[in-house]
C-alpha atoms as a PDB file:
ATOM      1  CA  UNK A   1       0.000   0.000   0.000  1.00  0.00           C
ATOM      2  CA  UNK A   2       1.056   3.605  -0.401  1.00  0.00           C
ATOM      3  CA  UNK A   3       1.994   5.608   2.715  1.00  0.00           C
ATOM      4  CA  UNK A   4      -1.182   6.915   4.344  1.00  0.00           C
ATOM      5  CA  UNK A   5      -3.373   4.424   2.490  1.00  0.00           C
ATOM      6  CA  UNK A   6      -5.941   2.202   4.159  1.00  0.00           C
ATOM      7  CA  UNK A   7      -6.341  -1.501   3.452  1.00  0.00           C
ATOM      8  CA  UNK A   8      -8.787  -4.128   4.668  1.00  0.00           C
ATOM      9  CA  UNK A   9      -7.856  -7.521   6.076  1.00  0.00           C
ATOM     10  CA  UNK A  10     -10.433 -10.322   6.178  1.00  0.00           C
ATOM     11  CA  UNK A  11     -10.015 -13.516   8.202  1.00  0.00           C
ATOM     12  CA  UNK A  12     -12.415 -16.476   8.411  1.00  0.00           C
ATOM     13  CA  UNK A  13     -12.156 -18.863  11.360  1.00  0.00           C
ATOM     14  CA  UNK A  14     -14.014 -22.093  12.038  1.00  0.00           C
ATOM     15  CA  UNK A  15     -15.520 -22.700  15.464  1.00  0.00           C
ATOM     16  CA  UNK A  16     -14.053 -26.116  16.271  1.00  0.00           C
ATOM     17  CA  UNK A  17     -15.221 -26.014  19.889  1.00  0.00           C
ATOM     18  CA  UNK A  18     -18.417 -27.113  21.611  1.00  0.00           C
ATOM     19  CA  UNK A  19     -19.734 -23.633  22.504  1.00  0.00           C
ATOM     20  CA  UNK A  20     -21.445 -21.192  20.137  1.00  0.00           C
ATOM     21  CA  UNK A  21     -19.837 -17.759  19.695  1.00  0.00           C
ATOM     22  CA  UNK A  22     -22.432 -15.035  20.347  1.00  0.00           C
ATOM     23  CA  UNK A  23     -21.660 -11.453  19.371  1.00  0.00           C
ATOM     24  CA  UNK A  24     -22.154  -8.983  22.210  1.00  0.00           C
ATOM     25  CA  UNK A  25     -22.172 -11.714  24.867  1.00  0.00           C
ATOM     26  CA  UNK A  26     -19.541 -13.389  27.037  1.00  0.00           C
ATOM     27  CA  UNK A  27     -18.760 -15.915  24.267  1.00  0.00           C
ATOM     28  CA  UNK A  28     -18.021 -13.261  21.620  1.00  0.00           C
ATOM     29  CA  UNK A  29     -14.761 -13.938  19.784  1.00  0.00           C
ATOM     30  CA  UNK A  30     -12.348 -11.194  18.788  1.00  0.00           C
ATOM     31  CA  UNK A  31      -9.068 -11.189  16.955  1.00  0.00           C
ATOM     32  CA  UNK A  32      -6.381 -10.136  19.370  1.00  0.00           C
ATOM     33  CA  UNK A  33      -2.732  -9.229  19.265  1.00  0.00           C
ATOM     34  CA  UNK A  34      -1.002 -11.978  21.311  1.00  0.00           C
ATOM     35  CA  UNK A  35       0.076 -10.756  24.718  1.00  0.00           C
ATOM     36  CA  UNK A  36      -2.236  -7.733  24.375  1.00  0.00           C
ATOM     37  CA  UNK A  37       0.712  -5.859  22.870  1.00  0.00           C
ATOM     38  CA  UNK A  38      -0.508  -2.346  21.973  1.00  0.00           C
ATOM     39  CA  UNK A  39       2.708  -1.426  20.090  1.00  0.00           C
ATOM     40  CA  UNK A  40       1.079  -2.263  16.743  1.00  0.00           C
ATOM     41  CA  UNK A  41      -1.955  -0.043  17.371  1.00  0.00           C
ATOM     42  CA  UNK A  42      -0.428   2.657  15.138  1.00  0.00           C
ATOM     43  CA  UNK A  43      -1.205   0.361  12.187  1.00  0.00           C
ATOM     44  CA  UNK A  44      -4.889   0.174  13.101  1.00  0.00           C
ATOM     45  CA  UNK A  45      -7.649   2.190  11.491  1.00  0.00           C
ATOM     46  CA  UNK A  46     -10.791   1.986  13.619  1.00  0.00           C
ATOM     47  CA  UNK A  47      -9.823  -1.036  15.715  1.00  0.00           C
ATOM     48  CA  UNK A  48     -12.182  -1.661  18.674  1.00  0.00           C
ATOM     49  CA  UNK A  49      -9.187  -1.419  21.059  1.00  0.00           C
ATOM     50  CA  UNK A  50      -5.413  -1.059  20.543  1.00  0.00           C
ATOM     51  CA  UNK A  51      -4.869  -4.825  20.882  1.00  0.00           C
ATOM     52  CA  UNK A  52      -8.150  -6.033  19.314  1.00  0.00           C
ATOM     53  CA  UNK A  53      -8.316  -5.407  15.565  1.00  0.00           C
ATOM     54  CA  UNK A  54     -11.698  -7.092  15.011  1.00  0.00           C
ATOM     55  CA  UNK A  55     -14.841  -8.654  16.451  1.00  0.00           C
ATOM     56  CA  UNK A  56     -16.754 -11.506  14.818  1.00  0.00           C
ATOM     57  CA  UNK A  57     -19.172 -10.167  12.202  1.00  0.00           C
ATOM     58  CA  UNK A  58     -21.859 -12.815  12.670  1.00  0.00           C
ATOM     59  CA  UNK A  59     -24.374 -12.627  15.523  1.00  0.00           C
ATOM     60  CA  UNK A  60     -24.102 -16.382  16.118  1.00  0.00           C
ATOM     61  CA  UNK A  61     -21.415 -18.881  15.101  1.00  0.00           C
ATOM     62  CA  UNK A  62     -22.425 -22.410  16.144  1.00  0.00           C
ATOM     63  CA  UNK A  63     -19.892 -25.212  16.590  1.00  0.00           C
ATOM     64  CA  UNK A  64     -18.693 -26.109  13.097  1.00  0.00           C
ATOM     65  CA  UNK A  65     -19.708 -22.673  11.791  1.00  0.00           C
ATOM     66  CA  UNK A  66     -17.424 -19.955  10.480  1.00  0.00           C
ATOM     67  CA  UNK A  67     -16.859 -16.432  11.710  1.00  0.00           C
ATOM     68  CA  UNK A  68     -15.640 -13.507   9.624  1.00  0.00           C
ATOM     69  CA  UNK A  69     -13.329 -10.860  11.026  1.00  0.00           C
ATOM     70  CA  UNK A  70     -12.565  -7.699   9.040  1.00  0.00           C
ATOM     71  CA  UNK A  71     -10.324  -4.847  10.063  1.00  0.00           C
ATOM     72  CA  UNK A  72      -8.545  -1.904   8.499  1.00  0.00           C
ATOM     73  CA  UNK A  73      -4.842  -1.137   8.540  1.00  0.00           C
ATOM     74  CA  UNK A  74      -2.863   1.939   7.623  1.00  0.00           C
ATOM     75  CA  UNK A  75       0.808   2.764   7.406  1.00  0.00           C
ATOM     76  CA  UNK A  76       2.564   6.103   7.320  1.00  0.00           C
ATOM     77  CA  UNK A  77       6.167   4.894   7.170  1.00  0.00           C
ATOM     78  CA  UNK A  78       7.557   2.611   4.446  1.00  0.00           C
ATOM     79  CA  UNK A  79       8.386  -0.921   5.527  1.00  0.00           C
ATOM     80  CA  UNK A  80       6.960  -4.357   6.270  1.00  0.00           C
ATOM     81  CA  UNK A  81       4.984  -4.895   9.451  1.00  0.00           C
ATOM     82  CA  UNK A  82       4.123  -8.344  10.802  1.00  0.00           C
ATOM     83  CA  UNK A  83       0.799  -8.306  12.653  1.00  0.00           C
ATOM     84  CA  UNK A  84       0.373 -11.489  14.735  1.00  0.00           C
ATOM     85  CA  UNK A  85      -3.240 -12.489  15.380  1.00  0.00           C
ATOM     86  CA  UNK A  86      -4.925 -14.869  17.767  1.00  0.00           C
ATOM     87  CA  UNK A  87      -8.618 -15.430  18.504  1.00  0.00           C
ATOM     88  CA  UNK A  88      -9.677 -14.570  22.040  1.00  0.00           C
ATOM     89  CA  UNK A  89     -12.784 -14.663  24.203  1.00  0.00           C
ATOM     90  CA  UNK A  90     -12.006 -11.649  26.383  1.00  0.00           C
ATOM     91  CA  UNK A  91     -12.007 -12.385  30.086  1.00  0.00           C
ATOM     92  CA  UNK A  92     -12.163 -16.131  29.405  1.00  0.00           C
ATOM     93  CA  UNK A  93      -9.334 -17.516  27.267  1.00  0.00           C
ATOM     94  CA  UNK A  94      -7.148 -17.204  24.215  1.00  0.00           C
ATOM     95  CA  UNK A  95      -8.145 -19.767  21.588  1.00  0.00           C
ATOM     96  CA  UNK A  96      -5.663 -21.948  19.757  1.00  0.00           C
ATOM     97  CA  UNK A  97      -3.999 -20.568  16.661  1.00  0.00           C
ATOM     98  CA  UNK A  98      -1.624 -21.873  14.048  1.00  0.00           C
ATOM     99  CA  UNK A  99       0.793 -18.950  13.929  1.00  0.00           C
ATOM    100  CA  UNK A 100      -1.802 -16.726  12.275  1.00  0.00           C
ATOM    101  CA  UNK A 101      -0.547 -13.351  11.074  1.00  0.00           C
ATOM    102  CA  UNK A 102      -0.782 -10.817   8.294  1.00  0.00           C
ATOM    103  CA  UNK A 103       1.925  -8.638   6.794  1.00  0.00           C
ATOM    104  CA  UNK A 104       1.365  -4.999   5.925  1.00  0.00           C
ATOM    105  CA  UNK A 105       3.754  -3.654   3.307  1.00  0.00           C
ATOM    106  CA  UNK A 106       3.992   0.116   2.897  1.00  0.00           C
ATOM    107  CA  UNK A 107       5.807   1.202  -0.256  1.00  0.00           C
ATOM    108  CA  UNK A 108       8.574   3.796  -0.396  1.00  0.00           C
END
C-alpha cells in the first residue's frame, strides 16, 4: 500500500469447539494481538481497542460454523509490518492458533 493508504484484512475462522460464539455476549470472539501488545496499534484504522483489531461479524457462530473478522490497517512509514493475530474470548481464554498473522507492506 502507499503511505497513508488504508487496506482491509479479512479472516475467516471455524468454530471447532463445543460452545457457540455469540456477538455482544460473554462468548463473543475477537481477533487479538497476542500478549495484548498495543505497540502495533499505530497500524490500526478503527480497531475496537489497541490490541483487538476485530470482532466476529456474525451474531451467532455455532460449533462447526465460520466467523468472519474484518479490520482496516494503515501505514505512514515505508516498511513491512508483521501483525500477529490470535482469537480470544475476552475475560475467558485465548483460543488456539496456528501462527496466524498478516503482513502490511507500505511502499517507499
